[in-house]
Amino acid sequence: MDKEAGQKTVLDFLKKKSKSKSKFYLKDFNALFPEDKPRVVKNLVNQMVQEEILEYWSSGSTTLYGKKGAGKQAAAEHED
């Protein structure tokens, strides 16, 4: 998988879904790349987190991913 093309695919997916959801399971991203193994997709998503394009959100038992700064949770977490 080409890194830049993969990142563009993920960001386009997030933009398209932004009206209904802001956080997604890793399996949602796996569906975008049916020709790649889940480990390759996980590495791409984790790299995007490291580059601060995406962010993790965890409930303690579940980990979700979303665009950095997007969603209701992000606004609430930055209140002091």
PDB file of N, CA and C in Angstrom:
ATOM      1  N   MET A   1       0.838  -1.176   0.000  1.00  0.00           N
ATOM      2  CA  MET A   1       0.000   0.000   0.000  1.00  0.00           C
ATOM      3  C   MET A   1       0.886   1.244   0.000  1.00  0.00           C
ATOM      4  N   ASP A   2       0.524   2.186  -0.817  1.00  0.00           N
ATOM      5  CA  ASP A   2       1.206   3.478  -0.854  1.00  0.00           C
ATOM      6  C   ASP A   2       0.723   4.309   0.335  1.00  0.00           C
ATOM      7  N   LYS A   3       1.647   4.797   1.145  1.00  0.00           N
ATOM      8  CA  LYS A   3       1.306   5.524   2.375  1.00  0.00           C
ATOM      9  C   LYS A   3       0.419   6.736   2.108  1.00  0.00           C
ATOM     10  N   GLU A   4       0.804   7.554   1.137  1.00  0.00           N
ATOM     11  CA  GLU A   4       0.045   8.771   0.865  1.00  0.00           C
ATOM     12  C   GLU A   4      -1.347   8.470   0.329  1.00  0.00           C
ATOM     13  N   ALA A   5      -1.452   7.480  -0.542  1.00  0.00           N
ATOM     14  CA  ALA A   5      -2.759   7.091  -1.064  1.00  0.00           C
ATOM     15  C   ALA A   5      -3.625   6.507   0.054  1.00  0.00           C
ATOM     16  N   GLY A   6      -3.004   5.724   0.927  1.00  0.00           N
ATOM     17  CA  GLY A   6      -3.725   5.149   2.058  1.00  0.00           C
ATOM     18  C   GLY A   6      -4.245   6.223   2.996  1.00  0.00           C
ATOM     19  N   GLN A   7      -3.406   7.202   3.300  1.00  0.00           N
ATOM     20  CA  GLN A   7      -3.830   8.302   4.169  1.00  0.00           C
ATOM     21  C   GLN A   7      -4.965   9.094   3.538  1.00  0.00           C
ATOM     22  N   LYS A   8      -4.877   9.325   2.242  1.00  0.00           N
ATOM     23  CA  LYS A   8      -5.939  10.066   1.545  1.00  0.00           C
ATOM     24  C   LYS A   8      -7.250   9.287   1.600  1.00  0.00           C
ATOM     25  N   THR A   9      -7.192   7.978   1.426  1.00  0.00           N
ATOM     26  CA  THR A   9      -8.390   7.141   1.487  1.00  0.00           C
ATOM     27  C   THR A   9      -9.027   7.229   2.869  1.00  0.00           C
ATOM     28  N   VAL A  10      -8.218   7.148   3.917  1.00  0.00           N
ATOM     29  CA  VAL A  10      -8.726   7.230   5.292  1.00  0.00           C
ATOM     30  C   VAL A  10      -9.350   8.599   5.542  1.00  0.00           C
ATOM     31  N   LEU A  11      -8.671   9.656   5.161  1.00  0.00           N
ATOM     32  CA  LEU A  11      -9.186  11.008   5.387  1.00  0.00           C
ATOM     33  C   LEU A  11     -10.461  11.275   4.594  1.00  0.00           C
ATOM     34  N   ASP A  12     -10.545  10.770   3.363  1.00  0.00           N
ATOM     35  CA  ASP A  12     -11.764  10.920   2.569  1.00  0.00           C
ATOM     36  C   ASP A  12     -12.929  10.195   3.236  1.00  0.00           C
ATOM     37  N   PHE A  13     -12.661   8.999   3.772  1.00  0.00           N
ATOM     38  CA  PHE A  13     -13.684   8.230   4.482  1.00  0.00           C
ATOM     39  C   PHE A  13     -14.178   9.006   5.704  1.00  0.00           C
ATOM     40  N   LEU A  14     -13.253   9.564   6.475  1.00  0.00           N
ATOM     41  CA  LEU A  14     -13.632  10.323   7.671  1.00  0.00           C
ATOM     42  C   LEU A  14     -14.440  11.563   7.310  1.00  0.00           C
ATOM     43  N   LYS A  15     -14.052  12.226   6.254  1.00  0.00           N
ATOM     44  CA  LYS A  15     -14.778  13.428   5.824  1.00  0.00           C
ATOM     45  C   LYS A  15     -16.200  13.076   5.394  1.00  0.00           C
ATOM     46  N   LYS A  16     -16.326  11.970   4.659  1.00  0.00           N
ATOM     47  CA  LYS A  16     -17.640  11.538   4.173  1.00  0.00           C
ATOM     48  C   LYS A  16     -18.564  11.147   5.329  1.00  0.00           C
ATOM     49  N   LYS A  17     -18.011  10.548   6.367  1.00  0.00           N
ATOM     50  CA  LYS A  17     -18.799  10.072   7.499  1.00  0.00           C
ATOM     51  C   LYS A  17     -18.922  11.089   8.634  1.00  0.00           C
ATOM     52  N   SER A  18     -18.307  12.248   8.505  1.00  0.00           N
ATOM     53  CA  SER A  18     -18.218  13.205   9.611  1.00  0.00           C
ATOM     54  C   SER A  18     -19.575  13.709  10.105  1.00  0.00           C
ATOM     55  N   LYS A  19     -20.591  13.669   9.280  1.00  0.00           N
ATOM     56  CA  LYS A  19     -21.905  14.147   9.702  1.00  0.00           C
ATOM     57  C   LYS A  19     -22.581  13.178  10.668  1.00  0.00           C
ATOM     58  N   SER A  20     -22.241  11.879  10.564  1.00  0.00           N
ATOM     59  CA  SER A  20     -22.902  10.890  11.413  1.00  0.00           C
ATOM     60  C   SER A  20     -22.036  10.362  12.548  1.00  0.00           C
ATOM     61  N   LYS A  21     -20.724  10.251  12.330  1.00  0.00           N
ATOM     62  CA  LYS A  21     -19.830   9.705  13.349  1.00  0.00           C
ATOM     63  C   LYS A  21     -18.487  10.419  13.309  1.00  0.00           C
ATOM     64  N   SER A  22     -17.802  10.411  14.451  1.00  0.00           N
ATOM     65  CA  SER A  22     -16.462  11.002  14.470  1.00  0.00           C
ATOM     66  C   SER A  22     -15.394   9.991  14.884  1.00  0.00           C
ATOM     67  N   LYS A  23     -15.803   8.860  15.447  1.00  0.00           N
ATOM     68  CA  LYS A  23     -14.857   7.837  15.895  1.00  0.00           C
ATOM     69  C   LYS A  23     -15.219   6.496  15.262  1.00  0.00           C
ATOM     70  N   PHE A  24     -14.179   5.737  14.901  1.00  0.00           N
ATOM     71  CA  PHE A  24     -14.390   4.478  14.194  1.00  0.00           C
ATOM     72  C   PHE A  24     -13.505   3.376  14.751  1.00  0.00           C
ATOM     73  N   TYR A  25     -13.980   2.146  14.613  1.00  0.00           N
ATOM     74  CA  TYR A  25     -13.191   0.970  14.969  1.00  0.00           C
ATOM     75  C   TYR A  25     -12.137   0.730  13.893  1.00  0.00           C
ATOM     76  N   LEU A  26     -11.089   0.037  14.268  1.00  0.00           N
ATOM     77  CA  LEU A  26     -10.056  -0.323  13.303  1.00  0.00           C
ATOM     78  C   LEU A  26     -10.649  -1.153  12.167  1.00  0.00           C
ATOM     79  N   LYS A  27     -11.631  -2.009  12.476  1.00  0.00           N
ATOM     80  CA  LYS A  27     -12.242  -2.848  11.443  1.00  0.00           C
ATOM     81  C   LYS A  27     -12.939  -2.007  10.360  1.00  0.00           C
ATOM     82  N   ASP A  28     -13.391  -0.804  10.714  1.00  0.00           N
ATOM     83  CA  ASP A  28     -13.995   0.085   9.714  1.00  0.00           C
ATOM     84  C   ASP A  28     -12.964   0.502   8.675  1.00  0.00           C
ATOM     85  N   PHE A  29     -11.725   0.719   9.126  1.00  0.00           N
ATOM     86  CA  PHE A  29     -10.655   1.087   8.204  1.00  0.00           C
ATOM     87  C   PHE A  29     -10.188  -0.128   7.400  1.00  0.00           C
ATOM     88  N   ASN A  30     -10.229  -1.311   8.024  1.00  0.00           N
ATOM     89  CA  ASN A  30      -9.862  -2.538   7.301  1.00  0.00           C
ATOM     90  C   ASN A  30     -10.752  -2.732   6.080  1.00  0.00           C
ATOM     91  N   ALA A  31     -12.018  -2.362   6.201  1.00  0.00           N
ATOM     92  CA  ALA A  31     -12.962  -2.511   5.092  1.00  0.00           C
ATOM     93  C   ALA A  31     -12.600  -1.624   3.898  1.00  0.00           C
ATOM     94  N   LEU A  32     -11.857  -0.539   4.151  1.00  0.00           N
ATOM     95  CA  LEU A  32     -11.435   0.354   3.067  1.00  0.00           C
ATOM     96  C   LEU A  32     -10.343  -0.258   2.205  1.00  0.00           C
ATOM     97  N   PHE A  33      -9.621  -1.237   2.775  1.00  0.00           N
ATOM     98  CA  PHE A  33      -8.476  -1.843   2.098  1.00  0.00           C
ATOM     99  C   PHE A  33      -8.614  -3.368   2.080  1.00  0.00           C
ATOM    100  N   PRO A  34      -9.584  -3.885   1.350  1.00  0.00           N
ATOM    101  CA  PRO A  34      -9.815  -5.339   1.360  1.00  0.00           C
ATOM    102  C   PRO A  34      -8.643  -6.152   0.811  1.00  0.00           C
ATOM    103  N   GLU A  35      -7.798  -5.538  -0.002  1.00  0.00           N
ATOM    104  CA  GLU A  35      -6.665  -6.264  -0.595  1.00  0.00           C
ATOM    105  C   GLU A  35      -5.466  -6.339   0.346  1.00  0.00           C
ATOM    106  N   ASP A  36      -5.490  -5.558   1.436  1.00  0.00           N
ATOM    107  CA  ASP A  36      -4.377  -5.543   2.386  1.00  0.00           C
ATOM    108  C   ASP A  36      -4.737  -6.308   3.657  1.00  0.00           C
ATOM    109  N   LYS A  37      -3.709  -6.861   4.288  1.00  0.00           N
ATOM    110  CA  LYS A  37      -3.915  -7.556   5.554  1.00  0.00           C
ATOM    111  C   LYS A  37      -4.224  -6.537   6.649  1.00  0.00           C
ATOM    112  N   PRO A  38      -4.984  -6.944   7.665  1.00  0.00           N
ATOM    113  CA  PRO A  38      -5.330  -6.026   8.758  1.00  0.00           C
ATOM    114  C   PRO A  38      -4.111  -5.393   9.433  1.00  0.00           C
ATOM    115  N   ARG A  39      -3.010  -6.110   9.508  1.00  0.00           N
ATOM    116  CA  ARG A  39      -1.798  -5.584  10.143  1.00  0.00           C
ATOM    117  C   ARG A  39      -1.251  -4.374   9.383  1.00  0.00           C
ATOM    118  N   VAL A  40      -1.328  -4.407   8.058  1.00  0.00           N
ATOM    119  CA  VAL A  40      -0.859  -3.290   7.229  1.00  0.00           C
ATOM    120  C   VAL A  40      -1.724  -2.061   7.489  1.00  0.00           C
ATOM    121  N   VAL A  41      -3.033  -2.267   7.581  1.00  0.00           N
ATOM    122  CA  VAL A  41      -3.959  -1.158   7.839  1.00  0.00           C
ATOM    123  C   VAL A  41      -3.722  -0.599   9.244  1.00  0.00           C
ATOM    124  N   LYS A  42      -3.524  -1.480  10.214  1.00  0.00           N
ATOM    125  CA  LYS A  42      -3.252  -1.037  11.585  1.00  0.00           C
ATOM    126  C   LYS A  42      -1.986  -0.191  11.640  1.00  0.00           C
ATOM    127  N   ASN A  43      -0.956  -0.604  10.930  1.00  0.00           N
ATOM    128  CA  ASN A  43       0.282   0.173  10.894  1.00  0.00           C
ATOM    129  C   ASN A  43       0.062   1.551  10.284  1.00  0.00           C
ATOM    130  N   LEU A  44      -0.736   1.620   9.210  1.00  0.00           N
ATOM    131  CA  LEU A  44      -1.047   2.900   8.573  1.00  0.00           C
ATOM    132  C   LEU A  44      -1.775   3.818   9.554  1.00  0.00           C
ATOM    133  N   VAL A  45      -2.806   3.295  10.209  1.00  0.00           N
ATOM    134  CA  VAL A  45      -3.591   4.098  11.141  1.00  0.00           C
ATOM    135  C   VAL A  45      -2.729   4.544  12.321  1.00  0.00           C
ATOM    136  N   ASN A  46      -1.911   3.651  12.849  1.00  0.00           N
ATOM    137  CA  ASN A  46      -1.034   4.018  13.961  1.00  0.00           C
ATOM    138  C   ASN A  46      -0.019   5.079  13.550  1.00  0.00           C
ATOM    139  N   GLN A  47       0.467   4.993  12.331  1.00  0.00           N
ATOM    140  CA  GLN A  47       1.399   6.007  11.836  1.00  0.00           C
ATOM    141  C   GLN A  47       0.696   7.366  11.728  1.00  0.00           C
ATOM    142  N   MET A  48      -0.571   7.348  11.320  1.00  0.00           N
ATOM    143  CA  MET A  48      -1.328   8.591  11.235  1.00  0.00           C
ATOM    144  C   MET A  48      -1.567   9.176  12.635  1.00  0.00           C
ATOM    145  N   VAL A  49      -1.697   8.328  13.643  1.00  0.00           N
ATOM    146  CA  VAL A  49      -1.825   8.798  15.026  1.00  0.00           C
ATOM    147  C   VAL A  49      -0.511   9.436  15.463  1.00  0.00           C
ATOM    148  N   GLN A  50       0.606   8.788  15.143  1.00  0.00           N
ATOM    149  CA  GLN A  50       1.913   9.333  15.512  1.00  0.00           C
ATOM    150  C   GLN A  50       2.167  10.681  14.847  1.00  0.00           C
ATOM    151  N   GLU A  51       1.673  10.847  13.625  1.00  0.00           N
ATOM    152  CA  GLU A  51       1.833  12.110  12.902  1.00  0.00           C
ATOM    153  C   GLU A  51       0.778  13.134  13.310  1.00  0.00           C
ATOM    154  N   GLU A  52      -0.066  12.774  14.274  1.00  0.00           N
ATOM    155  CA  GLU A  52      -1.122  13.632  14.814  1.00  0.00           C
ATOM    156  C   GLU A  52      -2.166  14.034  13.777  1.00  0.00           C
ATOM    157  N   ILE A  53      -2.398  13.154  12.825  1.00  0.00           N
ATOM    158  CA  ILE A  53      -3.491  13.338  11.868  1.00  0.00           C
ATOM    159  C   ILE A  53      -4.762  12.751  12.475  1.00  0.00           C
ATOM    160  N   LEU A  54      -4.607  11.576  13.090  1.00  0.00           N
ATOM    161  CA  LEU A  54      -5.693  10.906  13.798  1.00  0.00           C
ATOM    162  C   LEU A  54      -5.363  10.872  15.278  1.00  0.00           C
ATOM    163  N   GLU A  55      -6.364  10.489  16.087  1.00  0.00           N
ATOM    164  CA  GLU A  55      -6.138  10.322  17.513  1.00  0.00           C
ATOM    165  C   GLU A  55      -6.894   9.098  18.012  1.00  0.00           C
ATOM    166  N   TYR A  56      -6.377   8.538  19.098  1.00  0.00           N
ATOM    167  CA  TYR A  56      -7.035   7.428  19.766  1.00  0.00           C
ATOM    168  C   TYR A  56      -8.112   7.977  20.688  1.00  0.00           C
ATOM    169  N   TRP A  57      -9.145   7.186  20.888  1.00  0.00           N
ATOM    170  CA  TRP A  57     -10.102   7.446  21.946  1.00  0.00           C
ATOM    171  C   TRP A  57     -10.409   6.098  22.555  1.00  0.00           C
ATOM    172  N   SER A  58     -10.295   5.986  23.856  1.00  0.00           N
ATOM    173  CA  SER A  58     -10.505   4.713  24.519  1.00  0.00           C
ATOM    174  C   SER A  58     -11.519   4.856  25.635  1.00  0.00           C
ATOM    175  N   SER A  59     -12.428   3.887  25.709  1.00  0.00           N
ATOM    176  CA  SER A  59     -13.397   3.846  26.800  1.00  0.00           C
ATOM    177  C   SER A  59     -12.877   2.981  27.935  1.00  0.00           C
ATOM    178  N   GLY A  60     -11.728   2.393  27.734  1.00  0.00           N
ATOM    179  CA  GLY A  60     -11.171   1.469  28.704  1.00  0.00           C
ATOM    180  C   GLY A  60     -11.211   0.048  28.183  1.00  0.00           C
ATOM    181  N   SER A  61     -12.274  -0.275  27.475  1.00  0.00           N
ATOM    182  CA  SER A  61     -12.385  -1.616  26.907  1.00  0.00           C
ATOM    183  C   SER A  61     -12.369  -1.596  25.381  1.00  0.00           C
ATOM    184  N   THR A  62     -12.588  -0.442  24.814  1.00  0.00           N
ATOM    185  CA  THR A  62     -12.663  -0.306  23.358  1.00  0.00           C
ATOM    186  C   THR A  62     -11.798   0.862  22.911  1.00  0.00           C
ATOM    187  N   THR A  63     -11.069   0.658  21.820  1.00  0.00           N
ATOM    188  CA  THR A  63     -10.272   1.740  21.250  1.00  0.00           C
ATOM    189  C   THR A  63     -10.877   2.148  19.918  1.00  0.00           C
ATOM    190  N   LEU A  64     -11.115   3.428  19.773  1.00  0.00           N
ATOM    191  CA  LEU A  64     -11.636   3.982  18.530  1.00  0.00           C
ATOM    192  C   LEU A  64     -10.628   4.999  17.995  1.00  0.00           C
ATOM    193  N   TYR A  65     -10.765   5.306  16.727  1.00  0.00           N
ATOM    194  CA  TYR A  65      -9.876   6.262  16.067  1.00  0.00           C
ATOM    195  C   TYR A  65     -10.727   7.328  15.406  1.00  0.00           C
ATOM    196  N   GLY A  66     -10.217   8.547  15.404  1.00  0.00           N
ATOM    197  CA  GLY A  66     -10.916   9.637  14.746  1.00  0.00           C
ATOM    198  C   GLY A  66      -9.937  10.719  14.345  1.00  0.00           C
ATOM    199  N   LYS A  67     -10.432  11.636  13.551  1.00  0.00           N
ATOM    200  CA  LYS A  67      -9.609  12.753  13.124  1.00  0.00           C
ATOM    201  C   LYS A  67      -9.317  13.637  14.324  1.00  0.00           C
ATOM    202  N   LYS A  68      -8.094  14.065  14.447  1.00  0.00           N
ATOM    203  CA  LYS A  68      -7.669  14.853  15.612  1.00  0.00           C
ATOM    204  C   LYS A  68      -8.513  16.114  15.741  1.00  0.00           C
ATOM    205  N   GLY A  69      -9.085  16.296  16.933  1.00  0.00           N
ATOM    206  CA  GLY A  69      -9.878  17.484  17.215  1.00  0.00           C
ATOM    207  C   GLY A  69     -11.316  17.435  16.752  1.00  0.00           C
ATOM    208  N   ALA A  70     -11.761  16.311  16.208  1.00  0.00           N
ATOM    209  CA  ALA A  70     -13.123  16.212  15.700  1.00  0.00           C
ATOM    210  C   ALA A  70     -14.021  15.513  16.713  1.00  0.00           C
ATOM    211  N   GLY A  71     -15.286  15.871  16.722  1.00  0.00           N
ATOM    212  CA  GLY A  71     -16.259  15.194  17.560  1.00  0.00           C
ATOM    213  C   GLY A  71     -16.540  15.917  18.860  1.00  0.00           C
ATOM    214  N   LYS A  72     -17.631  15.516  19.504  1.00  0.00           N
ATOM    215  CA  LYS A  72     -18.059  16.135  20.753  1.00  0.00           C
ATOM    216  C   LYS A  72     -17.066  15.884  21.873  1.00  0.00           C
ATOM    217  N   GLN A  73     -16.504  14.699  21.921  1.00  0.00           N
ATOM    218  CA  GLN A  73     -15.569  14.337  22.994  1.00  0.00           C
ATOM    219  C   GLN A  73     -14.348  15.260  22.988  1.00  0.00           C
ATOM    220  N   ALA A  74     -13.848  15.593  21.840  1.00  0.00           N
ATOM    221  CA  ALA A  74     -12.661  16.451  21.759  1.00  0.00           C
ATOM    222  C   ALA A  74     -12.938  17.818  22.348  1.00  0.00           C
ATOM    223  N   ALA A  75     -14.096  18.363  22.097  1.00  0.00           N
ATOM    224  CA  ALA A  75     -14.442  19.676  22.640  1.00  0.00           C
ATOM    225  C   ALA A  75     -14.558  19.627  24.152  1.00  0.00           C
ATOM    226  N   ALA A  76     -15.132  18.578  24.691  1.00  0.00           N
ATOM    227  CA  ALA A  76     -15.312  18.458  26.127  1.00  0.00           C
ATOM    228  C   ALA A  76     -13.993  18.246  26.850  1.00  0.00           C
ATOM    229  N   GLU A  77     -13.059  17.538  26.247  1.00  0.00           N
ATOM    230  CA  GLU A  77     -11.790  17.247  26.893  1.00  0.00           C
ATOM    231  C   GLU A  77     -10.898  18.470  27.019  1.00  0.00           C
ATOM    232  N   HIS A  78     -11.107  19.477  26.202  1.00  0.00           N
ATOM    233  CA  HIS A  78     -10.247  20.653  26.221  1.00  0.00           C
ATOM    234  C   HIS A  78     -10.792  21.772  27.112  1.00  0.00           C
ATOM    235  N   GLU A  79     -11.888  21.487  27.827  1.00  0.00           N
ATOM    236  CA  GLU A  79     -12.413  22.481  28.758  1.00  0.00           C
ATOM    237  C   GLU A  79     -11.613  22.432  30.042  1.00  0.00           C
ATOM    238  N   ASP A  80     -11.293  23.561  30.578  1.00  0.00           N
ATOM    239  CA  ASP A  80     -10.537  23.617  31.850  1.00  0.00           C
ATOM    240  C   ASP A  80     -11.374  24.206  32.946  1.00  0.00           C
TER     241      ASP A  80
END
